[in-house]
C-alpha atoms as a PDB file:
ATOM      1  CA  MET A   1      28.617 -29.178 106.861  1.00  0.00           C
ATOM      2  CA  VAL A   2      26.099 -29.491 109.703  1.00  0.00           C
ATOM      3  CA  ILE A   3      27.995 -32.494 111.121  1.00  0.00           C
ATOM      4  CA  VAL A   4      31.296 -30.604 111.072  1.00  0.00           C
ATOM      5  CA  LEU A   5      29.705 -27.613 112.790  1.00  0.00           C
ATOM      6  CA  LEU A   6      28.250 -29.872 115.484  1.00  0.00           C
ATOM      7  CA  LEU A   7      31.666 -31.449 116.053  1.00  0.00           C
ATOM      8  CA  HIS A   8      33.139 -27.943 116.248  1.00  0.00           C
ATOM      9  CA  VAL A   9      30.683 -26.887 118.948  1.00  0.00           C
ATOM     10  CA  LEU A  10      30.430 -30.111 120.950  1.00  0.00           C
ATOM     11  CA  VAL A  11      33.676 -32.063 120.520  1.00  0.00           C
ATOM     12  CA  VAL A  12      36.710 -30.467 118.841  1.00  0.00           C
ATOM     13  CA  PRO A  13      36.806 -26.691 118.351  1.00  0.00           C
ATOM     14  CA  ILE A  14      38.226 -25.579 114.997  1.00  0.00           C
ATOM     15  CA  GLU A  15      40.280 -22.442 114.422  1.00  0.00           C
ATOM     16  CA  THR A  16      38.265 -19.521 113.097  1.00  0.00           C
ATOM     17  CA  VAL A  17      40.260 -19.225 109.856  1.00  0.00           C
ATOM     18  CA  ALA A  18      39.943 -22.948 109.126  1.00  0.00           C
ATOM     19  CA  LEU A  19      36.214 -22.859 109.888  1.00  0.00           C
ATOM     20  CA  LEU A  20      35.671 -19.914 107.550  1.00  0.00           C
ATOM     21  CA  ARG A  21      37.654 -21.681 104.802  1.00  0.00           C
ATOM     22  CA  PHE A  22      35.530 -24.782 105.332  1.00  0.00           C
ATOM     23  CA  GLY A  23      32.334 -22.739 104.942  1.00  0.00           C
ATOM     24  CA  ILE A  24      33.577 -21.026 101.783  1.00  0.00           C
ATOM     25  CA  GLY A  25      34.743 -24.368 100.367  1.00  0.00           C
ATOM     26  CA  THR A  26      31.332 -25.898 101.047  1.00  0.00           C
ATOM     27  CA  LEU A  27      29.643 -23.016  99.256  1.00  0.00           C
ATOM     28  CA  PHE A  28      31.980 -23.447  96.276  1.00  0.00           C
ATOM     29  CA  ILE A  29      31.152 -27.165  96.184  1.00  0.00           C
ATOM     30  CA  LEU A  30      27.399 -26.508  96.196  1.00  0.00           C
ATOM     31  CA  ILE A  31      27.639 -23.961  93.378  1.00  0.00           C
ATOM     32  CA  GLY A  32      30.243 -25.876  91.351  1.00  0.00           C
ATOM     33  CA  LEU A  33      28.550 -29.266  91.658  1.00  0.00           C
ATOM     34  CA  THR A  34      25.204 -27.764  90.634  1.00  0.00           C
ATOM     35  CA  ILE A  35      26.733 -26.243  87.501  1.00  0.00           C
ATOM     36  CA  PHE A  36      28.665 -29.451  86.855  1.00  0.00           C
ATOM     37  CA  LEU A  37      25.586 -31.704  87.066  1.00  0.00           C
ATOM     38  CA  VAL A  38      23.574 -29.381  84.820  1.00  0.00           C
ATOM     39  CA  GLY A  39      26.444 -29.526  82.327  1.00  0.00           C
ATOM     40  CA  VAL A  40      26.493 -33.320  82.501  1.00  0.00           C
ATOM     41  CA  ASP A  41      22.757 -33.430  81.824  1.00  0.00           C
ATOM     42  CA  LEU A  42      23.041 -31.033  78.891  1.00  0.00           C
ATOM     43  CA  GLY A  43      26.310 -32.306  77.429  1.00  0.00           C
ATOM     44  CA  ILE A  44      27.718 -35.646  78.587  1.00  0.00           C
ATOM     45  CA  SER A  45      24.484 -37.661  78.645  1.00  0.00           C
ATOM     46  CA  PRO A  46      23.326 -36.578  75.136  1.00  0.00           C
ATOM     47  CA  MET A  47      26.865 -37.205  73.837  1.00  0.00           C
ATOM     48  CA  GLY A  48      26.821 -40.742  75.170  1.00  0.00           C
ATOM     49  CA  HIS A  49      23.373 -41.421  73.737  1.00  0.00           C
ATOM     50  CA  HIS A  50      24.159 -40.108  70.245  1.00  0.00           C
ATOM     51  CA  ILE A  51      27.537 -41.837  70.113  1.00  0.00           C
ATOM     52  CA  SER A  52      26.080 -45.190  71.209  1.00  0.00           C
ATOM     53  CA  MET A  53      23.309 -44.966  68.603  1.00  0.00           C
ATOM     54  CA  ALA A  54      25.921 -44.222  65.951  1.00  0.00           C
ATOM     55  CA  LEU A  55      28.098 -47.142  67.062  1.00  0.00           C
ATOM     56  CA  THR A  56      25.280 -49.676  66.849  1.00  0.00           C
ATOM     57  CA  LYS A  57      24.887 -48.913  63.149  1.00  0.00           C
ATOM     58  CA  PHE A  58      28.347 -50.301  62.393  1.00  0.00           C
ATOM     59  CA  ASN A  59      28.647 -53.928  61.408  1.00  0.00           C
ATOM     60  CA  LYS A  60      32.400 -54.067  61.954  1.00  0.00           C
ATOM     61  CA  LYS A  61      33.270 -55.217  65.458  1.00  0.00           C
ATOM     62  CA  ARG A  62      36.756 -53.728  65.248  1.00  0.00           C
ATOM     63  CA  ILE A  63      35.397 -50.182  64.903  1.00  0.00           C
ATOM     64  CA  VAL A  64      33.044 -50.623  67.851  1.00  0.00           C
ATOM     65  CA  ILE A  65      35.801 -52.062  70.064  1.00  0.00           C
ATOM     66  CA  ILE A  66      38.319 -49.316  69.313  1.00  0.00           C
ATOM     67  CA  THR A  67      35.768 -46.514  69.696  1.00  0.00           C
ATOM     68  CA  VAL A  68      34.267 -47.700  72.994  1.00  0.00           C
ATOM     69  CA  VAL A  69      37.726 -48.316  74.501  1.00  0.00           C
ATOM     70  CA  ILE A  70      38.790 -44.775  73.596  1.00  0.00           C
ATOM     71  CA  LEU A  71      35.554 -43.227  74.875  1.00  0.00           C
ATOM     72  CA  GLY A  72      35.652 -45.186  78.128  1.00  0.00           C
ATOM     73  CA  PHE A  73      39.284 -44.217  78.629  1.00  0.00           C
ATOM     74  CA  PHE A  74      38.784 -40.479  78.178  1.00  0.00           C
ATOM     75  CA  ILE A  75      35.557 -40.220  80.181  1.00  0.00           C
ATOM     76  CA  SER A  76      37.339 -41.926  83.077  1.00  0.00           C
ATOM     77  CA  VAL A  77      40.334 -39.582  82.763  1.00  0.00           C
ATOM     78  CA  ALA A  78      37.905 -36.669  83.113  1.00  0.00           C
ATOM     79  CA  GLU A  79      36.295 -38.076  86.296  1.00  0.00           C
ATOM     80  CA  PRO A  80      37.011 -35.676  89.224  1.00  0.00           C
ATOM     81  CA  ASP A  81      36.694 -38.400  91.891  1.00  0.00           C
ATOM     82  CA  LEU A  82      39.446 -40.432  90.227  1.00  0.00           C
ATOM     83  CA  HIS A  83      41.838 -37.465  90.331  1.00  0.00           C
ATOM     84  CA  ILE A  84      41.254 -37.093  94.073  1.00  0.00           C
ATOM     85  CA  LEU A  85      41.903 -40.785  94.692  1.00  0.00           C
ATOM     86  CA  ALA A  86      45.012 -40.763  92.490  1.00  0.00           C
ATOM     87  CA  ASN A  87      46.483 -37.864  94.466  1.00  0.00           C
ATOM     88  CA  GLN A  88      45.898 -39.736  97.721  1.00  0.00           C
ATOM     89  CA  VAL A  89      47.443 -42.943  96.344  1.00  0.00           C
ATOM     90  CA  ALA A  90      50.541 -41.008  95.284  1.00  0.00           C
ATOM     91  CA  MET A  91      50.830 -39.638  98.829  1.00  0.00           C
ATOM     92  CA  VAL A  92      50.410 -42.912 100.717  1.00  0.00           C
ATOM     93  CA  THR A  93      52.807 -44.782  98.408  1.00  0.00           C
ATOM     94  CA  GLY A  94      55.492 -42.138  98.795  1.00  0.00           C
ATOM     95  CA  GLY A  95      55.570 -41.507  95.041  1.00  0.00           C
ATOM     96  CA  MET A  96      56.140 -45.164  94.109  1.00  0.00           C
ATOM     97  CA  VAL A  97      52.817 -45.051  92.294  1.00  0.00           C
ATOM     98  CA  SER A  98      52.277 -41.687  90.643  1.00  0.00           C
ATOM     99  CA  LYS A  99      48.976 -39.917  90.166  1.00  0.00           C
ATOM    100  CA  TRP A 100      48.914 -40.418  86.402  1.00  0.00           C
ATOM    101  CA  GLN A 101      49.842 -44.078  86.707  1.00  0.00           C
ATOM    102  CA  VAL A 102      46.655 -44.600  88.693  1.00  0.00           C
ATOM    103  CA  ILE A 103      44.503 -42.475  86.381  1.00  0.00           C
ATOM    104  CA  LEU A 104      45.762 -44.055  83.165  1.00  0.00           C
ATOM    105  CA  THR A 105      45.647 -47.611  84.527  1.00  0.00           C
ATOM    106  CA  VAL A 106      42.097 -47.276  85.845  1.00  0.00           C
ATOM    107  CA  SER A 107      40.956 -45.552  82.649  1.00  0.00           C
ATOM    108  CA  ILE A 108      42.354 -48.375  80.498  1.00  0.00           C
ATOM    109  CA  GLY A 109      40.566 -50.946  82.665  1.00  0.00           C
ATOM    110  CA  ILE A 110      37.262 -49.103  82.441  1.00  0.00           C
ATOM    111  CA  GLY A 111      37.597 -48.681  78.667  1.00  0.00           C
ATOM    112  CA  LEU A 112      38.206 -52.406  78.155  1.00  0.00           C
ATOM    113  CA  MET A 113      35.401 -53.511  80.460  1.00  0.00           C
ATOM    114  CA  LEU A 114      33.039 -50.958  78.952  1.00  0.00           C
ATOM    115  CA  THR A 115      33.667 -52.522  75.562  1.00  0.00           C
ATOM    116  CA  LEU A 116      32.978 -55.953  77.021  1.00  0.00           C
ATOM    117  CA  GLY A 117      29.720 -54.647  78.491  1.00  0.00           C
ATOM    118  CA  ILE A 118      28.572 -53.191  75.157  1.00  0.00           C
ATOM    119  CA  PHE A 119      29.251 -56.524  73.483  1.00  0.00           C
ATOM    120  CA  ARG A 120      27.196 -58.246  76.179  1.00  0.00           C
ATOM    121  CA  ILE A 121      24.275 -56.006  75.303  1.00  0.00           C
ATOM    122  CA  LEU A 122      24.566 -56.520  71.565  1.00  0.00           C
ATOM    123  CA  TYR A 123      25.001 -60.301  71.773  1.00  0.00           C
ATOM    124  CA  ASN A 124      22.502 -60.961  74.599  1.00  0.00           C
ATOM    125  CA  ILE A 125      25.027 -62.502  77.002  1.00  0.00           C
ATOM    126  CA  PRO A 126      23.398 -63.007  80.447  1.00  0.00           C
ATOM    127  CA  LEU A 127      24.645 -60.468  82.965  1.00  0.00           C
ATOM    128  CA  TYR A 128      25.060 -62.949  85.813  1.00  0.00           C
ATOM    129  CA  LYS A 129      27.373 -65.163  83.741  1.00  0.00           C
ATOM    130  CA  LEU A 130      29.652 -62.297  82.820  1.00  0.00           C
ATOM    131  CA  LEU A 131      29.724 -60.934  86.388  1.00  0.00           C
ATOM    132  CA  LEU A 132      30.512 -64.420  87.683  1.00  0.00           C
ATOM    133  CA  VAL A 133      33.588 -64.584  85.456  1.00  0.00           C
ATOM    134  CA  ILE A 134      34.657 -61.015  86.252  1.00  0.00           C
ATOM    135  CA  TYR A 135      34.368 -61.332  90.014  1.00  0.00           C
ATOM    136  CA  GLY A 136      35.956 -64.770  89.895  1.00  0.00           C
ATOM    137  CA  LEU A 137      38.958 -63.099  88.253  1.00  0.00           C
ATOM    138  CA  ILE A 138      38.921 -60.389  90.945  1.00  0.00           C
ATOM    139  CA  LEU A 139      38.923 -63.102  93.629  1.00  0.00           C
ATOM    140  CA  LEU A 140      41.957 -64.794  92.087  1.00  0.00           C
ATOM    141  CA  LEU A 141      43.836 -61.514  91.713  1.00  0.00           C
ATOM    142  CA  SER A 142      43.006 -60.529  95.293  1.00  0.00           C
ATOM    143  CA  LEU A 143      44.972 -63.558  96.513  1.00  0.00           C
ATOM    144  CA  LEU A 144      48.086 -62.155  94.802  1.00  0.00           C
ATOM    145  CA  THR A 145      47.558 -58.474  95.612  1.00  0.00           C
ATOM    146  CA  THR A 146      49.082 -56.855  98.703  1.00  0.00           C
ATOM    147  CA  PRO A 147      46.580 -55.902 101.446  1.00  0.00           C
ATOM    148  CA  GLU A 148      47.331 -52.181 101.076  1.00  0.00           C
ATOM    149  CA  PHE A 149      46.771 -52.175  97.325  1.00  0.00           C
ATOM    150  CA  LEU A 150      43.721 -54.408  97.667  1.00  0.00           C
ATOM    151  CA  ALA A 151      41.948 -51.615  99.538  1.00  0.00           C
ATOM    152  CA  ILE A 152      43.072 -49.045  96.973  1.00  0.00           C
ATOM    153  CA  SER A 153      41.781 -51.210  94.118  1.00  0.00           C
ATOM    154  CA  PHE A 154      38.294 -51.463  95.570  1.00  0.00           C
ATOM    155  CA  ASP A 155      38.286 -47.755  96.415  1.00  0.00           C
ATOM    156  CA  ALA A 156      38.986 -47.058  92.736  1.00  0.00           C
ATOM    157  CA  SER A 157      35.730 -48.745  91.712  1.00  0.00           C
ATOM    158  CA  GLY A 158      33.835 -46.299  93.895  1.00  0.00           C
ATOM    159  CA  ALA A 159      35.791 -43.304  92.657  1.00  0.00           C
ATOM    160  CA  THR A 160      34.989 -44.113  89.037  1.00  0.00           C
ATOM    161  CA  THR A 161      31.237 -44.228  89.609  1.00  0.00           C
ATOM    162  CA  GLY A 162      31.120 -40.456  89.889  1.00  0.00           C
ATOM    163  CA  ALA A 163      29.092 -37.632  88.439  1.00  0.00           C
ATOM    164  CA  MET A 164      30.964 -37.689  85.110  1.00  0.00           C
ATOM    165  CA  THR A 165      31.387 -41.400  84.429  1.00  0.00           C
ATOM    166  CA  VAL A 166      27.999 -42.837  85.407  1.00  0.00           C
ATOM    167  CA  PRO A 167      25.771 -40.515  83.298  1.00  0.00           C
ATOM    168  CA  PHE A 168      27.900 -41.202  80.227  1.00  0.00           C
ATOM    169  CA  ILE A 169      27.950 -44.975  80.796  1.00  0.00           C
ATOM    170  CA  MET A 170      24.191 -45.024  81.373  1.00  0.00           C
ATOM    171  CA  ALA A 171      23.561 -43.004  78.233  1.00  0.00           C
ATOM    172  CA  LEU A 172      25.903 -45.226  76.244  1.00  0.00           C
ATOM    173  CA  SER A 173      24.213 -48.399  77.475  1.00  0.00           C
ATOM    174  CA  ILE A 174      20.683 -47.061  76.958  1.00  0.00           C
ATOM    175  CA  GLY A 175      21.556 -46.078  73.400  1.00  0.00           C
ATOM    176  CA  ALA A 176      22.918 -49.551  72.670  1.00  0.00           C
ATOM    177  CA  ALA A 177      20.037 -51.303  74.430  1.00  0.00           C
ATOM    178  CA  ALA A 178      17.505 -49.170  72.542  1.00  0.00           C
ATOM    179  CA  MET A 179      18.235 -51.237  69.443  1.00  0.00           C
ATOM    180  CA  LYS A 180      16.413 -54.132  71.104  1.00  0.00           C
ATOM    181  CA  LYS A 181      12.674 -54.580  70.948  1.00  0.00           C
ATOM    182  CA  ASP A 182      12.381 -55.918  74.496  1.00  0.00           C
ATOM    183  CA  SER A 183      12.055 -52.914  76.823  1.00  0.00           C
ATOM    184  CA  LYS A 184      12.619 -54.988  80.000  1.00  0.00           C
ATOM    185  CA  ALA A 185      15.877 -56.350  78.607  1.00  0.00           C
ATOM    186  CA  SER A 186      16.961 -52.797  77.776  1.00  0.00           C
ATOM    187  CA  GLU A 187      16.482 -51.687  81.385  1.00  0.00           C
ATOM    188  CA  LYS A 188      18.576 -54.605  82.689  1.00  0.00           C
ATOM    189  CA  ASP A 189      21.309 -53.937  80.142  1.00  0.00           C
ATOM    190  CA  SER A 190      21.615 -50.264  81.032  1.00  0.00           C
ATOM    191  CA  PHE A 191      22.013 -51.179  84.706  1.00  0.00           C
ATOM    192  CA  GLY A 192      24.591 -53.917  84.224  1.00  0.00           C
ATOM    193  CA  LEU A 193      27.090 -51.833  82.286  1.00  0.00           C
ATOM    194  CA  VAL A 194      27.936 -49.675  85.312  1.00  0.00           C
ATOM    195  CA  ALA A 195      28.787 -52.761  87.387  1.00  0.00           C
ATOM    196  CA  ILE A 196      30.968 -54.186  84.623  1.00  0.00           C
ATOM    197  CA  ALA A 197      32.854 -50.917  84.096  1.00  0.00           C
ATOM    198  CA  SER A 198      33.491 -50.521  87.833  1.00  0.00           C
ATOM    199  CA  ALA A 199      35.054 -53.977  87.948  1.00  0.00           C
ATOM    200  CA  GLY A 200      37.558 -52.798  85.340  1.00  0.00           C
ATOM    201  CA  ALA A 201      38.990 -50.300  87.820  1.00  0.00           C
ATOM    202  CA  ILE A 202      39.533 -53.042  90.413  1.00  0.00           C
ATOM    203  CA  ILE A 203      41.178 -55.480  88.003  1.00  0.00           C
ATOM    204  CA  SER A 204      43.454 -52.874  86.416  1.00  0.00           C
ATOM    205  CA  LEU A 205      44.898 -51.658  89.729  1.00  0.00           C
ATOM    206  CA  MET A 206      45.440 -55.213  90.941  1.00  0.00           C
ATOM    207  CA  VAL A 207      47.387 -55.925  87.768  1.00  0.00           C
ATOM    208  CA  LEU A 208      49.375 -52.702  88.294  1.00  0.00           C
ATOM    209  CA  ASN A 209      50.273 -53.906  91.788  1.00  0.00           C
ATOM    210  CA  LEU A 210      51.531 -57.209  90.393  1.00  0.00           C
ATOM    211  CA  ILE A 211      53.640 -55.391  87.789  1.00  0.00           C
ATOM    212  CA  LEU A 212      55.150 -52.785  90.121  1.00  0.00           C
ATOM    213  CA  LYS A 213      55.389 -55.218  93.069  1.00  0.00           C
ATOM    214  CA  THR A 214      54.604 -52.524  95.629  1.00  0.00           C
ATOM    215  CA  ASP A 215      54.369 -54.320  98.964  1.00  0.00           C
ATOM    216  CA  LYS A 216      54.731 -51.553 101.559  1.00  0.00           C
ATOM    217  CA  MET A 217      53.362 -48.036 101.828  1.00  0.00           C
ATOM    218  CA  SER A 218      56.193 -45.634 102.578  1.00  0.00           C
ATOM    219  CA  GLY A 219      54.280 -42.354 102.422  1.00  0.00           C
ATOM    220  CA  SER A 220      51.576 -40.661 104.455  1.00  0.00           C
ATOM    221  CA  LEU A 221      48.364 -38.798 103.728  1.00  0.00           C
ATOM    222  CA  GLN A 222      49.358 -35.261 104.633  1.00  0.00           C
ATOM    223  CA  LEU A 223      46.923 -32.738 103.277  1.00  0.00           C
ATOM    224  CA  LYS A 224      48.280 -29.332 102.274  1.00  0.00           C
ATOM    225  CA  PHE A 225      45.982 -26.383 102.720  1.00  0.00           C
ATOM    226  CA  GLY A 226      48.110 -23.883 100.824  1.00  0.00           C
ATOM    227  CA  SER A 227      49.106 -20.487 102.122  1.00  0.00           C
ATOM    228  CA  GLU A 228      48.454 -19.569 105.728  1.00  0.00           C
ATOM    229  CA  GLU A 229      47.809 -15.951 104.777  1.00  0.00           C
ATOM    230  CA  GLY A 230      44.262 -14.870 104.098  1.00  0.00           C
ATOM    231  CA  ILE A 231      41.063 -16.864 103.953  1.00  0.00           C
ATOM    232  CA  LEU A 232      40.667 -17.004 100.160  1.00  0.00           C
ATOM    233  CA  GLN A 233      44.347 -17.366  99.290  1.00  0.00           C
ATOM    234  CA  PRO A 234      44.422 -21.220  99.343  1.00  0.00           C
ATOM    235  CA  PHE A 235      41.516 -21.306  96.892  1.00  0.00           C
ATOM    236  CA  LEU A 236      43.098 -18.776  94.550  1.00  0.00           C
ATOM    237  CA  GLU A 237      46.431 -20.639  94.553  1.00  0.00           C
ATOM    238  CA  ASN A 238      44.784 -23.806  93.203  1.00  0.00           C
ATOM    239  CA  VAL A 239      42.739 -22.194  90.418  1.00  0.00           C
ATOM    240  CA  PRO A 240      45.456 -22.194  87.678  1.00  0.00           C
ATOM    241  CA  HIS A 241      46.554 -25.767  88.405  1.00  0.00           C
ATOM    242  CA  LEU A 242      43.000 -27.132  88.465  1.00  0.00           C
ATOM    243  CA  ALA A 243      42.034 -25.211  85.325  1.00  0.00           C
ATOM    244  CA  ILE A 244      44.900 -26.817  83.382  1.00  0.00           C
ATOM    245  CA  GLU A 245      43.964 -30.287  84.656  1.00  0.00           C
ATOM    246  CA  LEU A 246      40.365 -29.686  83.645  1.00  0.00           C
ATOM    247  CA  LEU A 247      41.313 -28.693  80.102  1.00  0.00           C
ATOM    248  CA  LEU A 248      43.642 -31.695  79.733  1.00  0.00           C
ATOM    249  CA  ALA A 249      40.929 -34.066  80.962  1.00  0.00           C
ATOM    250  CA  LEU A 250      38.031 -32.760  78.873  1.00  0.00           C
ATOM    251  CA  SER A 251      39.693 -31.727  75.603  1.00  0.00           C
ATOM    252  CA  PRO A 252      40.278 -35.271  74.190  1.00  0.00           C
ATOM    253  CA  PHE A 253      36.693 -36.262  74.926  1.00  0.00           C
ATOM    254  CA  LEU A 254      35.375 -33.094  73.282  1.00  0.00           C
ATOM    255  CA  ILE A 255      37.548 -33.670  70.193  1.00  0.00           C
ATOM    256  CA  ILE A 256      36.226 -37.224  69.830  1.00  0.00           C
ATOM    257  CA  PHE A 257      32.614 -36.052  70.010  1.00  0.00           C
ATOM    258  CA  VAL A 258      33.218 -33.317  67.434  1.00  0.00           C
ATOM    259  CA  LEU A 259      34.666 -35.944  65.083  1.00  0.00           C
ATOM    260  CA  PHE A 260      31.638 -38.173  65.663  1.00  0.00           C
ATOM    261  CA  LYS A 261      29.303 -35.253  65.112  1.00  0.00           C
ATOM    262  CA  PHE A 262      30.643 -34.399  61.680  1.00  0.00           C
ATOM    263  CA  LEU A 263      31.398 -37.965  60.511  1.00  0.00           C
ATOM    264  CA  PHE A 264      28.581 -40.118  61.855  1.00  0.00           C
ATOM    265  CA  ILE A 265      25.930 -38.382  63.960  1.00  0.00           C
ATOM    266  CA  ARG A 266      25.010 -35.528  61.600  1.00  0.00           C
ATOM    267  CA  LEU A 267      23.406 -33.580  64.446  1.00  0.00           C
ATOM    268  CA  GLN A 268      22.740 -29.981  63.488  1.00  0.00           C
ATOM    269  CA  LEU A 269      24.044 -27.243  65.775  1.00  0.00           C
ATOM    270  CA  ARG A 270      20.600 -25.637  65.931  1.00  0.00           C
ATOM    271  CA  GLN A 271      19.071 -28.957  66.969  1.00  0.00           C
ATOM    272  CA  SER A 272      21.696 -29.437  69.691  1.00  0.00           C
ATOM    273  CA  TYR A 273      20.974 -25.958  71.056  1.00  0.00           C
ATOM    274  CA  ARG A 274      17.205 -26.504  70.950  1.00  0.00           C
ATOM    275  CA  ASP A 275      17.456 -29.815  72.823  1.00  0.00           C
ATOM    276  CA  SER A 276      19.548 -28.146  75.524  1.00  0.00           C
ATOM    277  CA  VAL A 277      17.090 -25.261  75.947  1.00  0.00           C
ATOM    278  CA  ILE A 278      14.167 -27.691  76.215  1.00  0.00           C
ATOM    279  CA  LYS A 279      15.974 -29.633  78.972  1.00  0.00           C
ATOM    280  CA  VAL A 280      16.679 -26.457  80.924  1.00  0.00           C
END
């Protein structure tokens, strides 16, 4: 905000209405992100830890694979940064690649790679060997991917390491690594899973490019600021749409955790509330 204000004073003056909207938007971000991060600390991180501890008790690999793929998929769908990137991709491709194509493709890639990362932890596969194979595959795919989509693919890896995805992945990996007796190995395992999951976003979008064969960008990144009337009107216009997207993104993940809670975790409601109060 300080940088924008300096540019406004020294370089490019901004219209008063736009400047006021920028200030209000910044305030909303500060308040909303604070509440969001507190919610992640109280909800998403404990969910990931309890679910990972429950998964490690299963001896059947099939159950672990299916569960981690589903969890990785839905936590990525709920990532706010990915929704922003997907909207921009839809704009610059002129609708050839839709928003939900990007979100679903990236989420599938993260779910699959997250499962691979959990298996690496459980079976003590060296991280450098797995990363060598993964990034070797990315190198090969990059030779077949169009330059425009190559940039989008790598941007997706950054968008998926956001405030929702990373805490859950870290909690999931720490829970799985906690089954080991070697504390140093556990720390390395919990770090490596984020890198592996991020690579899934890159690979999945490169594969999508090969399937759709999109070679040229026909759109443009034109941002719409909503109504020109009033300072708060653009914010109010987006509330219903964003609220629906939020419910669609979070509801599947919440349903999965509730199922885990009653079937496997056996965590009492009073205990959950007490843990949250202690953290606050």
